[in-house]
Amino acid sequence: MNRRTRLPSAFSKVSVKSQTVIPREVRERLRLKPGDTLRYRMTEDGVLLDKAPANEADDPFATFSEWSNEADEKAYRDPTTLLCAFV
């Protein structure tokens, strides 16, 4: 018989301010420290939570999906585009 082993689950409650405590097992597994940024990725099966890579966590536009089309990417790569907007 080929059984999948389930990893242990961890639970926490959400406060009235939508805050929660990350269980110790999760903090240790992700090696989280104070000030780290978490990334939430929606999937068809649920939500994946992991520690955001430093380069992604520092991008102030990462959460704005409406600014992630090809024209925006080109503008971000071309510094003259930004200069023209202010002239």
C-alpha atoms as a PDB file:
ATOM      1  CA  MET A   1       0.000   0.000   0.000  1.00  0.00           C
ATOM      2  CA  ASN A   2       1.338   3.406  -1.000  1.00  0.00           C
ATOM      3  CA  ARG A   3       0.203   5.868   1.698  1.00  0.00           C
ATOM      4  CA  ARG A   4       1.139   9.529   1.762  1.00  0.00           C
ATOM      5  CA  THR A   5       2.408  10.699   5.102  1.00  0.00           C
ATOM      6  CA  ARG A   6       0.753  13.843   6.292  1.00  0.00           C
ATOM      7  CA  LEU A   7       2.837  16.555   7.846  1.00  0.00           C
ATOM      8  CA  PRO A   8       1.572  17.829  11.188  1.00  0.00           C
ATOM      9  CA  SER A   9      -0.858  20.750  11.104  1.00  0.00           C
ATOM     10  CA  ALA A  10      -0.580  23.941  13.128  1.00  0.00           C
ATOM     11  CA  PHE A  11      -3.473  26.237  14.004  1.00  0.00           C
ATOM     12  CA  SER A  12      -3.967  29.821  15.150  1.00  0.00           C
ATOM     13  CA  LYS A  13      -6.962  32.108  15.595  1.00  0.00           C
ATOM     14  CA  VAL A  14      -7.552  35.420  13.860  1.00  0.00           C
ATOM     15  CA  SER A  15      -8.232  38.410  16.133  1.00  0.00           C
ATOM     16  CA  VAL A  16     -10.835  41.117  15.533  1.00  0.00           C
ATOM     17  CA  LYS A  17      -8.014  43.138  13.945  1.00  0.00           C
ATOM     18  CA  SER A  18      -7.270  40.252  11.521  1.00  0.00           C
ATOM     19  CA  GLN A  19      -4.035  39.481  13.369  1.00  0.00           C
ATOM     20  CA  THR A  20      -2.744  36.034  14.237  1.00  0.00           C
ATOM     21  CA  VAL A  21       0.225  34.445  15.974  1.00  0.00           C
ATOM     22  CA  ILE A  22       2.390  32.306  13.731  1.00  0.00           C
ATOM     23  CA  PRO A  23       2.826  28.974  15.497  1.00  0.00           C
ATOM     24  CA  ARG A  24       6.336  28.252  16.777  1.00  0.00           C
ATOM     25  CA  GLU A  25       6.676  25.184  14.524  1.00  0.00           C
ATOM     26  CA  VAL A  26       5.968  27.332  11.466  1.00  0.00           C
ATOM     27  CA  ARG A  27       8.324  30.138  12.592  1.00  0.00           C
ATOM     28  CA  GLU A  28      11.101  27.608  13.134  1.00  0.00           C
ATOM     29  CA  ARG A  29      10.495  25.798   9.857  1.00  0.00           C
ATOM     30  CA  LEU A  30      10.526  29.079   7.883  1.00  0.00           C
ATOM     31  CA  ARG A  31      13.372  30.475  10.035  1.00  0.00           C
ATOM     32  CA  LEU A  32      11.370  33.643  10.646  1.00  0.00           C
ATOM     33  CA  LYS A  33      12.827  36.560  12.551  1.00  0.00           C
ATOM     34  CA  PRO A  34      11.181  39.825  13.656  1.00  0.00           C
ATOM     35  CA  GLY A  35      10.855  42.128  10.641  1.00  0.00           C
ATOM     36  CA  ASP A  36      10.705  39.335   8.043  1.00  0.00           C
ATOM     37  CA  THR A  37       8.024  39.607   5.368  1.00  0.00           C
ATOM     38  CA  LEU A  38       5.616  36.779   4.646  1.00  0.00           C
ATOM     39  CA  ARG A  39       4.290  35.951   1.194  1.00  0.00           C
ATOM     40  CA  TYR A  40       0.761  34.601   0.663  1.00  0.00           C
ATOM     41  CA  ARG A  41       0.172  32.845  -2.666  1.00  0.00           C
ATOM     42  CA  MET A  42      -3.336  31.823  -3.669  1.00  0.00           C
ATOM     43  CA  THR A  43      -3.634  28.398  -5.305  1.00  0.00           C
ATOM     44  CA  GLU A  44      -6.552  26.247  -6.353  1.00  0.00           C
ATOM     45  CA  ASP A  45      -5.949  24.090  -3.268  1.00  0.00           C
ATOM     46  CA  GLY A  46      -5.691  26.929  -0.758  1.00  0.00           C
ATOM     47  CA  VAL A  47      -3.072  29.455   0.313  1.00  0.00           C
ATOM     48  CA  LEU A  48       0.670  28.887   0.467  1.00  0.00           C
ATOM     49  CA  LEU A  49       2.553  30.829   3.116  1.00  0.00           C
ATOM     50  CA  ASP A  50       6.299  31.251   3.006  1.00  0.00           C
ATOM     51  CA  LYS A  51       9.044  33.706   3.823  1.00  0.00           C
ATOM     52  CA  ALA A  52       9.276  36.288   1.049  1.00  0.00           C
ATOM     53  CA  PRO A  53      12.628  36.452  -0.749  1.00  0.00           C
ATOM     54  CA  ALA A  54      14.475  39.654   0.125  1.00  0.00           C
ATOM     55  CA  ASN A  55      14.282  41.077  -3.413  1.00  0.00           C
ATOM     56  CA  GLU A  56      10.515  40.481  -3.614  1.00  0.00           C
ATOM     57  CA  ALA A  57       9.817  41.805  -0.127  1.00  0.00           C
ATOM     58  CA  ASP A  58      11.596  45.069  -0.950  1.00  0.00           C
ATOM     59  CA  ASP A  59       9.495  45.738  -4.071  1.00  0.00           C
ATOM     60  CA  PRO A  60       6.800  48.254  -3.091  1.00  0.00           C
ATOM     61  CA  PHE A  61       4.765  47.386  -6.214  1.00  0.00           C
ATOM     62  CA  ALA A  62       4.777  43.591  -5.694  1.00  0.00           C
ATOM     63  CA  THR A  63       1.287  43.563  -4.188  1.00  0.00           C
ATOM     64  CA  PHE A  64      -0.279  45.680  -6.940  1.00  0.00           C
ATOM     65  CA  SER A  65      -1.176  43.144  -9.622  1.00  0.00           C
ATOM     66  CA  GLU A  66      -2.851  45.848 -11.728  1.00  0.00           C
ATOM     67  CA  TRP A  67       0.627  47.286 -12.320  1.00  0.00           C
ATOM     68  CA  SER A  68       2.111  44.091 -13.644  1.00  0.00           C
ATOM     69  CA  ASN A  69       1.414  44.225 -17.361  1.00  0.00           C
ATOM     70  CA  GLU A  70       3.997  44.356 -20.140  1.00  0.00           C
ATOM     71  CA  ALA A  71       3.812  48.149 -20.601  1.00  0.00           C
ATOM     72  CA  ASP A  72       4.541  48.663 -16.905  1.00  0.00           C
ATOM     73  CA  GLU A  73       7.459  46.213 -16.977  1.00  0.00           C
ATOM     74  CA  LYS A  74       8.929  48.090 -19.951  1.00  0.00           C
ATOM     75  CA  ALA A  75       8.512  51.423 -18.170  1.00  0.00           C
ATOM     76  CA  TYR A  76      10.248  50.089 -15.050  1.00  0.00           C
ATOM     77  CA  ARG A  77      13.216  48.917 -17.140  1.00  0.00           C
ATOM     78  CA  ASP A  78      13.477  52.201 -19.090  1.00  0.00           C
ATOM     79  CA  PRO A  79      14.489  55.065 -16.771  1.00  0.00           C
ATOM     80  CA  THR A  80      13.772  57.668 -19.489  1.00  0.00           C
ATOM     81  CA  THR A  81      10.084  56.784 -19.291  1.00  0.00           C
ATOM     82  CA  LEU A  82       9.983  57.988 -15.702  1.00  0.00           C
ATOM     83  CA  LEU A  83      11.861  61.175 -16.585  1.00  0.00           C
ATOM     84  CA  CYS A  84       9.389  61.980 -19.368  1.00  0.00           C
ATOM     85  CA  ALA A  85       6.495  61.689 -16.955  1.00  0.00           C
ATOM     86  CA  PHE A  86       7.868  64.520 -14.831  1.00  0.00           C
ATOM     87  CA  VAL A  87       8.999  66.908 -17.600  1.00  0.00           C
END
